[in-house]
Amino acid sequence: MTVPTPPIAFGGSAAEVRSRLGEPVALTDEVVEALRAVCPDTVTDPAARAESSRDWWPLSLHWALAGQVGALAGAVCRPADADQVAAVLRTCHERAVPVTAAGGRSGVCGASVPRFGGVVMDLTAMAGIVDVDDESLTVTVLPGTFGPDLEAELQRRGLTLGHWPQSMDISTVGGWLACRGADQYSTRYGKIEDMVVGLDVVLADGRSVTTGGAPRAAAGPDLTQLFVGSEGTLGIITSARLRVHVRPSAERRAAYGVSSWDAGVDACRRILRRGITPAVLRLYDEAESQRSHGTDGSVAVLLVLDEADAGVVRATMAAVDEECADATRLDDALVDGWLHHRNDVSALEALTRKGFVVDTMEIAGPWSRLPAIYRNATAALLAVPHALAATAHLSHSYTDGACLYFTFAATPPPEEVEATYVALWNAGTTAVLTAGGNLSHHHGVGLNRHRFMAEALGTGRDVLAAIKAALDPRGILNPGKLGLTSNLEQMPWP
């Protein structure tokens, strides 16, 4: 599958693209030749370097209009297998050259932006299913495999991973794992960290490690989870073993109009409290219900979908109906409409070109704190100068809490786009953390949330830094991310 590119082309030619965040690490001819010797598909073409140096981070789309990227890679390596990954990393480790792993580059926080240039390691050539254990319901898959390709092969075998992120068409297995991703059916199937059985990882100096492999093993700490969510800062995933499921035999849908946002949150909490886990449980606040589902703005819309064995689906939807007894039953076609449009992000390009600042902020928190998180965050976002809207929906639910997905927009003057973007994220994130929410539910940290990690992790940040120093002593793996300091630090952002 061809790697999709972000929707906004660079202003000017690719050869003229500039680094926004200071001068990147330059690669000498000797380094480039050494890389080509171990990874023949190493390119230095300006267009390839520019395109590989960005992802779908909304701010990077604004930079693209000005002919800029966060930082420009000096070379793009496309390894064909784990041996080439190891060889590239050894080459860069010896020379202290930064390496940023990339897959579909569908991330929206700048995780795959090479903060200090160096090498972008494009893993999409390492694609495909290695093995399916139908008896144990596991699959071994390579990191560059795109979502539709994996799911199509599993479906052909009567199986499913059950992982359907909004970025399904443009994201890879490695990216899901590196950023601790979630999907739209996670209330039934879990997030990616619930699906992973084990990993093959190459460390910064080229050594390889295999983690996991046995169900519920108690052989010390779970090293698999050390690398899940590490965003390429601790090692590069070269293979993953994932749990799969038998393809569901039944599905049902329902839509409800709830009297208020708070009442809808409480209904979702009660559903999960009963041990009921419908695949989709999405609650939209009154403003989003009006904008996305055509209501009059007086109700919060709750969309429900379940898929499983027919008996399980019947019991699940009956329990949901009981907990929504005080709500108004709406047309189930609202669920159909959501399914049809759920991955459509075409409006982002049009709004960005018009100078709007638009982004989403997904966080999670305990049920007991969600009402305050919602009120505080939306109020904080709307208080930022030039803010136009701040709304939210609840998109992933668990017995102890849920994910809130905020959407915000602003219309600043052209010269204040970046400052307004930063101010919105500062206001919203501070409000969430103060009210007891977490930093991210599934988009990860990247460059955009880098500055909040000290507050989010507390003293845990020191533990993470110690692990980083042990596994990557020269600091070459995706430096400038996850709140970790780097000896390459030049111009701080923001």
Protein backbone atom coordinates (compact mmCIF):
# COMPACT_ATOMS: atom_id res chain seq x y z
CA MET A 1 0.00 0.00 0.00
CA THR A 2 1.28 3.48 -0.88
CA VAL A 3 1.84 5.71 2.15
CA PRO A 4 -0.87 8.40 2.10
CA THR A 5 0.34 11.98 2.44
CA PRO A 6 -1.29 14.76 4.48
CA PRO A 7 -3.89 16.70 2.50
CA ILE A 8 -2.06 20.02 2.23
CA ALA A 9 0.86 20.31 -0.18
CA PHE A 10 3.85 22.44 0.64
CA GLY A 11 3.88 26.07 -0.34
CA GLY A 12 6.66 26.31 -2.96
CA SER A 13 8.74 23.39 -4.22
CA ALA A 14 9.92 20.48 -2.08
CA ALA A 15 13.52 21.57 -2.60
CA GLU A 16 12.72 24.84 -0.81
CA VAL A 17 11.06 23.31 2.29
CA ARG A 18 12.65 24.71 5.47
CA SER A 19 12.91 23.54 9.08
CA ARG A 20 10.70 25.50 11.46
CA LEU A 21 12.35 24.48 14.74
CA GLY A 22 16.02 25.29 14.25
CA GLU A 23 18.76 23.76 12.14
CA PRO A 24 18.54 19.95 11.93
CA VAL A 25 21.48 17.59 12.36
CA ALA A 26 23.30 17.47 9.02
CA LEU A 27 24.27 14.13 7.48
CA THR A 28 27.68 13.89 5.87
CA ASP A 29 28.26 12.01 2.63
CA GLU A 30 30.06 9.35 4.68
CA VAL A 31 26.97 8.75 6.84
CA VAL A 32 24.68 8.55 3.82
CA GLU A 33 26.95 6.05 2.09
CA ALA A 34 27.20 3.98 5.27
CA LEU A 35 23.41 3.90 5.46
CA ARG A 36 23.07 2.87 1.82
CA ALA A 37 25.55 0.06 2.40
CA VAL A 38 23.27 -1.54 5.00
CA CYS A 39 19.90 -0.34 3.69
CA PRO A 40 19.93 0.01 -0.11
CA ASP A 41 16.61 1.85 -0.13
CA THR A 42 17.99 5.02 1.41
CA VAL A 43 16.99 8.24 -0.32
CA THR A 44 17.99 11.88 0.00
CA ASP A 45 15.63 13.28 -2.60
CA PRO A 46 14.26 16.63 -1.33
CA ALA A 47 10.62 15.69 -1.98
CA ALA A 48 10.91 12.37 -0.14
CA ARG A 49 12.72 13.99 2.78
CA ALA A 50 10.16 16.77 3.09
CA GLU A 51 7.13 14.48 2.88
CA SER A 52 8.62 12.00 5.36
CA SER A 53 9.33 14.77 7.85
CA ARG A 54 5.70 15.48 8.70
CA ASP A 55 2.50 13.79 9.79
CA TRP A 56 -1.15 14.84 10.18
CA TRP A 57 -0.50 17.15 13.13
CA PRO A 58 -2.80 20.12 12.41
CA LEU A 59 -0.09 22.68 13.17
CA SER A 60 2.21 21.01 10.65
CA LEU A 61 -0.49 21.56 8.03
CA HIS A 62 -0.29 25.30 8.70
CA TRP A 63 3.51 25.11 8.49
CA ALA A 64 3.23 23.28 5.15
CA LEU A 65 1.35 26.23 3.66
CA ALA A 66 4.43 28.31 4.49
CA GLY A 67 6.80 25.72 2.99
CA GLN A 68 7.99 24.45 6.36
CA VAL A 69 8.26 21.25 8.39
CA GLY A 70 9.11 20.94 12.07
CA ALA A 71 12.56 19.71 11.11
CA LEU A 72 13.84 18.28 7.85
CA ALA A 73 15.27 14.77 7.72
CA GLY A 74 18.65 14.34 6.05
CA ALA A 75 17.77 10.91 4.68
CA VAL A 76 14.91 8.42 4.57
CA CYS A 77 15.78 4.76 5.13
CA ARG A 78 13.25 2.12 4.10
CA PRO A 79 14.45 -1.18 5.59
CA ALA A 80 13.18 -4.40 4.09
CA ASP A 81 13.52 -6.50 7.24
CA ALA A 82 14.58 -6.53 10.88
CA ASP A 83 18.24 -7.12 9.97
CA GLN A 84 18.32 -3.88 8.01
CA VAL A 85 16.61 -2.05 10.89
CA ALA A 86 19.34 -3.29 13.22
CA ALA A 87 22.10 -2.34 10.78
CA VAL A 88 20.74 1.19 10.32
CA LEU A 89 20.48 1.68 14.07
CA ARG A 90 24.03 0.42 14.65
CA THR A 91 25.28 2.82 11.99
CA CYS A 92 23.45 5.77 13.57
CA HIS A 93 24.31 4.76 17.14
CA GLU A 94 28.03 4.77 16.33
CA ARG A 95 27.73 8.28 14.83
CA ALA A 96 25.13 9.74 17.23
CA VAL A 97 22.69 10.37 14.38
CA PRO A 98 19.00 10.82 15.39
CA VAL A 99 16.54 8.21 14.08
CA THR A 100 12.78 8.71 13.98
CA ALA A 101 10.61 5.71 13.13
CA ALA A 102 7.59 6.28 10.90
CA GLY A 103 4.77 4.23 9.43
CA GLY A 104 1.67 5.72 7.87
CA ARG A 105 2.43 9.05 9.61
CA SER A 106 -1.24 9.39 10.51
CA GLY A 107 -0.47 10.78 13.98
CA VAL A 108 -1.89 14.16 14.94
CA CYS A 109 0.63 15.18 17.63
CA GLY A 110 3.89 15.29 15.65
CA ALA A 111 5.25 11.99 17.01
CA SER A 112 6.91 11.08 13.70
CA VAL A 113 8.31 14.56 13.06
CA PRO A 114 12.14 14.22 13.18
CA ARG A 115 12.63 16.94 15.80
CA PHE A 116 16.37 17.25 15.07
CA GLY A 117 16.49 15.92 11.52
CA GLY A 118 18.82 12.98 10.97
CA VAL A 119 17.20 9.80 9.64
CA VAL A 120 13.53 8.99 9.22
CA MET A 121 13.13 5.21 9.22
CA ASP A 122 10.10 4.41 7.05
CA LEU A 123 8.90 0.95 8.09
CA THR A 124 6.11 0.52 5.53
CA ALA A 125 8.16 -1.88 3.39
CA MET A 126 8.00 -4.33 6.31
CA ALA A 127 4.37 -5.34 5.78
CA GLY A 128 2.27 -8.46 5.87
CA ILE A 129 1.07 -11.28 8.07
CA VAL A 130 3.77 -13.75 9.11
CA ASP A 131 1.57 -16.33 10.82
CA VAL A 132 -1.99 -16.93 12.03
CA ASP A 133 -2.59 -19.35 14.92
CA ASP A 134 -6.30 -19.99 14.51
CA GLU A 135 -6.34 -22.41 17.42
CA SER A 136 -4.82 -19.91 19.87
CA LEU A 137 -6.41 -16.89 18.13
CA THR A 138 -3.20 -14.94 17.58
CA VAL A 139 -1.61 -13.31 14.57
CA THR A 140 2.01 -12.35 13.95
CA VAL A 141 2.24 -9.25 11.79
CA LEU A 142 4.92 -6.86 10.57
CA PRO A 143 4.90 -3.21 11.72
CA GLY A 144 4.38 -1.54 8.34
CA THR A 145 1.11 -3.37 7.68
CA PHE A 146 -1.77 -0.96 7.08
CA GLY A 147 -5.06 -1.53 8.89
CA PRO A 148 -7.24 -2.46 5.89
CA ASP A 149 -4.70 -5.00 4.63
CA LEU A 150 -4.49 -6.74 8.00
CA GLU A 151 -8.22 -6.78 8.57
CA ALA A 152 -9.00 -8.01 5.04
CA GLU A 153 -6.75 -11.04 5.49
CA LEU A 154 -8.17 -11.79 8.93
CA GLN A 155 -11.74 -11.46 7.68
CA ARG A 156 -10.92 -13.88 4.86
CA ARG A 157 -10.03 -16.39 7.56
CA GLY A 158 -13.21 -15.74 9.56
CA LEU A 159 -11.37 -13.60 12.13
CA THR A 160 -11.06 -9.96 13.16
CA LEU A 161 -8.68 -7.90 15.24
CA GLY A 162 -11.56 -5.62 16.23
CA HIS A 163 -9.35 -2.55 15.92
CA TRP A 164 -11.01 0.19 13.86
CA PRO A 165 -9.32 3.56 14.48
CA GLN A 166 -10.51 6.64 12.62
CA SER A 167 -7.15 6.54 10.85
CA MET A 168 -7.72 2.92 9.76
CA ASP A 169 -6.97 3.54 6.07
CA ILE A 170 -3.72 5.44 6.66
CA SER A 171 -2.23 3.92 9.83
CA THR A 172 -0.04 0.89 10.51
CA VAL A 173 0.24 -1.76 13.18
CA GLY A 174 3.55 -0.33 14.35
CA GLY A 175 2.01 3.11 14.74
CA TRP A 176 -0.91 1.73 16.74
CA LEU A 177 1.50 0.10 19.16
CA ALA A 178 4.01 2.93 19.33
CA CYS A 179 1.35 5.48 20.27
CA ARG A 180 -0.86 3.18 22.39
CA GLY A 181 -3.75 3.65 20.02
CA ALA A 182 -7.45 3.04 20.45
CA ASP A 183 -10.22 2.31 17.99
CA GLN A 184 -13.89 3.08 17.72
CA TYR A 185 -14.92 -0.39 18.96
CA SER A 186 -12.65 -0.38 22.01
CA THR A 187 -15.39 -0.76 24.62
CA ARG A 188 -15.85 -4.32 23.29
CA TYR A 189 -12.33 -5.23 22.15
CA GLY A 190 -10.05 -2.96 24.19
CA LYS A 191 -7.22 -0.69 23.10
CA ILE A 192 -4.15 -1.92 21.25
CA GLU A 193 -2.30 -2.60 24.54
CA ASP A 194 -5.05 -5.10 25.39
CA MET A 195 -4.52 -6.89 22.07
CA VAL A 196 -0.75 -7.30 22.05
CA VAL A 197 0.75 -10.61 23.15
CA GLY A 198 4.40 -9.93 22.40
CA LEU A 199 6.85 -7.92 20.33
CA ASP A 200 10.16 -8.11 18.52
CA VAL A 201 12.07 -4.87 19.10
CA VAL A 202 15.44 -3.57 17.93
CA LEU A 203 17.25 -1.36 20.46
CA ALA A 204 19.29 1.74 19.69
CA ASP A 205 22.58 -0.12 19.35
CA GLY A 206 21.14 -2.76 17.03
CA ARG A 207 20.49 -5.46 19.61
CA SER A 208 17.19 -7.33 19.29
CA VAL A 209 14.81 -8.36 22.06
CA THR A 210 11.69 -10.53 22.02
CA THR A 211 9.02 -9.90 24.63
CA GLY A 212 5.92 -11.75 25.77
CA GLY A 213 4.57 -14.80 23.99
CA ALA A 214 2.81 -16.71 26.76
CA PRO A 215 -0.72 -16.03 28.07
CA ARG A 216 -0.66 -14.19 31.42
CA ALA A 217 2.98 -14.99 32.15
CA ALA A 218 4.37 -14.03 35.55
CA ALA A 219 8.06 -13.90 34.68
CA GLY A 220 8.81 -10.46 36.05
CA PRO A 221 7.58 -7.13 34.68
CA ASP A 222 5.76 -7.11 31.35
CA LEU A 223 8.44 -5.85 28.98
CA THR A 224 5.95 -5.77 26.11
CA GLN A 225 4.13 -2.86 27.73
CA LEU A 226 7.41 -1.01 28.20
CA PHE A 227 7.61 -0.50 24.44
CA VAL A 228 3.88 -0.03 23.76
CA GLY A 229 3.32 3.72 23.83
CA SER A 230 7.02 4.59 23.83
CA GLU A 231 6.67 6.32 20.44
CA GLY A 232 9.97 4.98 19.10
CA THR A 233 12.05 6.47 21.93
CA LEU A 234 13.11 3.13 23.50
CA GLY A 235 13.31 0.80 20.50
CA ILE A 236 11.82 0.08 17.09
CA ILE A 237 9.14 -2.59 16.75
CA THR A 238 9.87 -5.07 13.95
CA SER A 239 7.12 -7.63 14.60
CA ALA A 240 4.04 -7.98 16.79
CA ARG A 241 1.91 -10.86 18.03
CA LEU A 242 -1.70 -9.80 18.54
CA ARG A 243 -4.85 -11.44 19.90
CA VAL A 244 -7.66 -11.82 17.38
CA HIS A 245 -11.33 -12.83 17.61
CA VAL A 246 -13.74 -14.96 15.68
CA ARG A 247 -15.64 -12.71 13.31
CA PRO A 248 -18.92 -11.67 15.01
CA SER A 249 -22.11 -13.34 13.81
CA ALA A 250 -24.59 -10.64 14.85
CA GLU A 251 -24.87 -6.87 15.11
CA ARG A 252 -27.47 -4.40 16.42
CA ARG A 253 -27.68 -0.61 16.57
CA ALA A 254 -29.61 1.94 18.61
CA ALA A 255 -29.73 5.71 19.09
CA TYR A 256 -31.10 7.69 22.02
CA GLY A 257 -31.77 11.33 22.85
CA VAL A 258 -30.74 11.94 26.47
CA SER A 259 -32.04 14.93 28.42
CA SER A 260 -28.57 16.34 29.13
CA TRP A 261 -24.85 15.65 28.76
CA ASP A 262 -24.52 14.79 32.47
CA ALA A 263 -27.45 12.37 32.26
CA GLY A 264 -25.86 10.71 29.25
CA VAL A 265 -22.51 10.30 31.01
CA ASP A 266 -24.30 8.70 33.95
CA ALA A 267 -26.16 6.31 31.63
CA CYS A 268 -22.84 5.21 30.09
CA ARG A 269 -21.38 4.72 33.55
CA ARG A 270 -24.30 2.54 34.63
CA ILE A 271 -24.04 0.42 31.48
CA LEU A 272 -20.37 -0.34 32.14
CA ARG A 273 -21.03 -0.85 35.85
CA ARG A 274 -23.28 -3.76 34.90
CA GLY A 275 -20.44 -5.38 32.98
CA ILE A 276 -22.05 -4.52 29.65
CA THR A 277 -19.53 -3.67 26.92
CA PRO A 278 -21.18 -2.71 23.63
CA ALA A 279 -18.59 -2.25 20.89
CA VAL A 280 -19.62 1.38 20.34
CA LEU A 281 -20.94 3.70 23.04
CA ARG A 282 -20.66 7.31 21.89
CA LEU A 283 -22.28 10.26 23.65
CA TYR A 284 -22.29 13.72 22.04
CA ASP A 285 -22.88 16.92 23.97
CA GLU A 286 -25.80 19.08 22.92
CA ALA A 287 -23.75 21.26 20.57
CA GLU A 288 -22.12 18.32 18.77
CA SER A 289 -25.48 16.53 18.63
CA GLN A 290 -26.94 19.48 16.78
CA ARG A 291 -23.95 19.91 14.49
CA SER A 292 -23.37 16.25 13.63
CA HIS A 293 -26.75 14.57 14.09
CA GLY A 294 -29.31 17.21 13.17
CA THR A 295 -31.02 17.63 16.55
CA ASP A 296 -32.40 20.92 17.84
CA GLY A 297 -29.63 21.25 20.42
CA SER A 298 -31.76 20.28 23.41
CA VAL A 299 -30.59 16.67 23.81
CA ALA A 300 -27.35 14.74 23.97
CA VAL A 301 -27.26 11.96 21.38
CA LEU A 302 -26.09 8.49 22.44
CA LEU A 303 -25.13 6.04 19.69
CA VAL A 304 -24.81 2.34 20.49
CA LEU A 305 -23.62 -0.57 18.36
CA ASP A 306 -22.73 -4.07 19.39
CA GLU A 307 -21.31 -7.02 17.51
CA ALA A 308 -20.68 -10.50 18.92
CA ASP A 309 -22.45 -13.84 19.21
CA ALA A 310 -26.19 -13.28 18.74
CA GLY A 311 -27.00 -14.14 22.35
CA VAL A 312 -24.42 -11.72 23.67
CA VAL A 313 -25.71 -8.93 21.43
CA ARG A 314 -29.31 -9.48 22.55
CA ALA A 315 -28.35 -9.34 26.23
CA THR A 316 -26.12 -6.30 25.74
CA MET A 317 -28.69 -4.23 23.86
CA ALA A 318 -31.47 -5.18 26.28
CA ALA A 319 -29.37 -3.93 29.19
CA VAL A 320 -28.52 -0.73 27.32
CA ASP A 321 -32.22 -0.14 26.68
CA GLU A 322 -32.98 -0.59 30.37
CA GLU A 323 -30.38 1.97 31.39
CA CYS A 324 -31.71 4.41 28.77
CA ALA A 325 -35.35 4.05 29.86
CA ASP A 326 -35.64 7.80 30.52
CA ALA A 327 -34.20 8.72 27.11
CA THR A 328 -36.04 9.18 23.83
CA ARG A 329 -35.44 6.48 21.25
CA LEU A 330 -34.14 8.10 18.07
CA ASP A 331 -33.84 6.79 14.53
CA ASP A 332 -31.22 4.02 14.37
CA ALA A 333 -30.17 5.54 11.04
CA LEU A 334 -28.11 8.00 13.12
CA VAL A 335 -25.72 5.11 13.79
CA ASP A 336 -25.64 4.32 10.08
CA GLY A 337 -24.76 7.95 9.35
CA TRP A 338 -21.94 7.90 11.87
CA LEU A 339 -20.54 4.69 10.40
CA HIS A 340 -20.61 6.18 6.92
CA HIS A 341 -18.84 9.43 7.86
CA ARG A 342 -16.73 8.37 10.86
CA ASN A 343 -13.38 8.48 9.03
CA ASP A 344 -14.05 11.59 6.98
CA VAL A 345 -11.62 14.38 7.92
CA SER A 346 -11.87 16.30 4.65
CA ALA A 347 -13.14 19.42 6.43
CA LEU A 348 -9.75 19.84 8.12
CA GLU A 349 -8.02 20.82 4.89
CA ALA A 350 -10.65 23.37 3.91
CA LEU A 351 -10.70 25.02 7.33
CA THR A 352 -6.90 25.08 7.58
CA ARG A 353 -6.62 26.77 4.19
CA LYS A 354 -9.08 29.41 5.41
CA GLY A 355 -6.88 30.15 8.42
CA PHE A 356 -8.97 28.40 11.06
CA VAL A 357 -7.22 26.72 13.96
CA VAL A 358 -8.98 23.37 14.43
CA ASP A 359 -7.90 20.39 16.49
CA THR A 360 -9.07 17.61 18.80
CA MET A 361 -7.89 16.74 22.29
CA GLU A 362 -8.70 13.28 23.63
CA ILE A 363 -8.19 12.54 27.31
CA ALA A 364 -9.57 10.10 29.85
CA GLY A 365 -10.67 10.37 33.45
CA PRO A 366 -12.59 8.58 36.20
CA TRP A 367 -16.39 8.68 36.03
CA SER A 368 -16.46 10.72 39.23
CA ARG A 369 -14.42 13.51 37.64
CA LEU A 370 -15.69 13.53 34.07
CA PRO A 371 -18.40 16.20 34.61
CA ALA A 372 -15.86 18.64 36.08
CA ILE A 373 -13.27 17.81 33.41
CA TYR A 374 -15.84 18.52 30.69
CA ARG A 375 -16.99 21.84 32.17
CA ASN A 376 -13.51 23.10 33.06
CA ALA A 377 -11.90 22.18 29.75
CA THR A 378 -14.61 23.60 27.49
CA ALA A 379 -14.70 26.82 29.53
CA ALA A 380 -10.90 27.13 29.42
CA LEU A 381 -10.80 26.60 25.67
CA LEU A 382 -13.54 29.13 25.02
CA ALA A 383 -11.72 31.71 27.16
CA VAL A 384 -8.73 31.77 24.79
CA PRO A 385 -8.73 34.85 22.54
CA HIS A 386 -10.21 34.15 19.08
CA ALA A 387 -11.80 30.87 20.24
CA LEU A 388 -14.93 30.04 18.29
CA ALA A 389 -16.15 26.69 19.63
CA ALA A 390 -15.31 23.95 22.14
CA THR A 391 -17.43 20.81 22.22
CA ALA A 392 -16.98 17.20 23.25
CA HIS A 393 -18.14 13.64 22.90
CA LEU A 394 -17.53 10.54 24.99
CA SER A 395 -16.02 7.90 22.75
CA HIS A 396 -14.51 5.00 24.75
CA SER A 397 -15.87 3.62 28.03
CA TYR A 398 -14.49 1.38 30.75
CA THR A 399 -15.66 0.31 34.20
CA ASP A 400 -13.52 2.98 35.88
CA GLY A 401 -13.90 5.87 33.45
CA ALA A 402 -14.07 7.05 29.87
CA CYS A 403 -12.41 9.03 27.12
CA LEU A 404 -13.64 12.55 26.36
CA TYR A 405 -12.84 13.83 22.89
CA PHE A 406 -12.81 17.63 22.70
CA THR A 407 -13.05 19.48 19.38
CA PHE A 408 -12.11 23.15 19.33
CA ALA A 409 -11.80 25.88 16.74
CA ALA A 410 -10.56 29.46 16.59
CA THR A 411 -10.28 32.22 14.00
CA PRO A 412 -7.11 34.19 14.77
CA PRO A 413 -5.40 36.72 12.52
CA PRO A 414 -2.87 35.01 10.19
CA GLU A 415 0.11 36.16 12.22
CA GLU A 416 -1.37 34.64 15.42
CA VAL A 417 -2.23 31.14 14.16
CA GLU A 418 0.60 29.35 15.95
CA ALA A 419 0.31 31.39 19.13
CA THR A 420 -3.43 30.73 19.28
CA TYR A 421 -2.90 27.01 18.69
CA VAL A 422 -0.40 26.86 21.56
CA ALA A 423 -2.68 28.89 23.84
CA LEU A 424 -5.62 26.56 23.19
CA TRP A 425 -3.58 23.48 24.02
CA ASN A 426 -2.11 25.11 27.12
CA ALA A 427 -5.55 26.12 28.39
CA GLY A 428 -7.31 22.85 27.61
CA THR A 429 -4.56 20.57 28.90
CA THR A 430 -4.05 22.52 32.12
CA ALA A 431 -7.79 22.39 32.82
CA VAL A 432 -7.93 18.64 32.20
CA LEU A 433 -4.93 17.79 34.38
CA THR A 434 -6.10 20.09 37.19
CA ALA A 435 -9.53 18.45 37.19
CA GLY A 436 -8.05 14.95 37.43
CA GLY A 437 -7.93 13.79 33.82
CA ASN A 438 -4.98 12.21 32.04
CA LEU A 439 -2.84 13.68 29.29
CA SER A 440 -3.86 11.43 26.40
CA HIS A 441 -6.12 8.48 25.77
CA HIS A 442 -4.90 7.33 22.35
CA HIS A 443 -3.32 10.07 20.23
CA GLY A 444 -0.12 9.88 22.26
CA VAL A 445 2.34 12.62 23.20
CA GLY A 446 4.49 13.44 20.19
CA LEU A 447 5.91 16.92 19.93
CA ASN A 448 2.66 18.69 20.74
CA ARG A 449 2.25 17.29 24.28
CA HIS A 450 5.97 17.00 25.03
CA ARG A 451 5.88 20.03 27.35
CA PHE A 452 3.14 18.60 29.58
CA MET A 453 4.80 15.29 30.44
CA ALA A 454 6.55 16.46 33.61
CA GLU A 455 3.21 17.47 35.12
CA ALA A 456 1.42 14.39 33.78
CA LEU A 457 3.97 11.84 35.05
CA GLY A 458 5.32 13.54 38.17
CA THR A 459 8.28 11.59 39.57
CA GLY A 460 7.50 8.83 37.07
CA ARG A 461 9.20 11.01 34.48
CA ASP A 462 12.54 10.37 36.24
CA VAL A 463 11.95 6.63 35.96
CA LEU A 464 11.18 6.97 32.25
CA ALA A 465 14.34 9.05 31.77
CA ALA A 466 16.42 6.38 33.53
CA ILE A 467 15.00 3.66 31.26
CA LYS A 468 15.72 5.83 28.23
CA ALA A 469 19.32 6.36 29.36
CA ALA A 470 19.81 2.62 29.83
CA LEU A 471 18.33 1.54 26.49
CA ASP A 472 19.46 4.49 24.38
CA PRO A 473 22.53 6.02 26.05
CA ARG A 474 23.39 8.22 23.06
CA GLY A 475 19.83 9.52 22.81
CA ILE A 476 19.35 8.80 19.10
CA LEU A 477 15.81 7.37 19.16
CA ASN A 478 13.15 10.00 18.41
CA PRO A 479 14.83 12.68 20.55
CA GLY A 480 12.80 15.61 21.82
CA LYS A 481 9.68 13.56 22.53
CA LEU A 482 7.80 12.12 25.55
CA GLY A 483 9.02 14.92 27.79
CA LEU A 484 12.56 13.53 27.72
CA THR A 485 15.48 15.92 27.52
CA SER A 486 17.97 15.66 24.68
CA ASN A 487 21.57 16.74 24.27
CA LEU A 488 20.50 17.96 20.82
CA GLU A 489 18.17 20.59 22.26
CA GLN A 490 18.41 23.76 20.21
CA MET A 491 15.39 26.03 20.07
CA PRO A 492 12.62 24.94 22.45
CA TRP A 493 9.07 24.68 21.16
CA PRO A 494 6.82 26.37 21.95
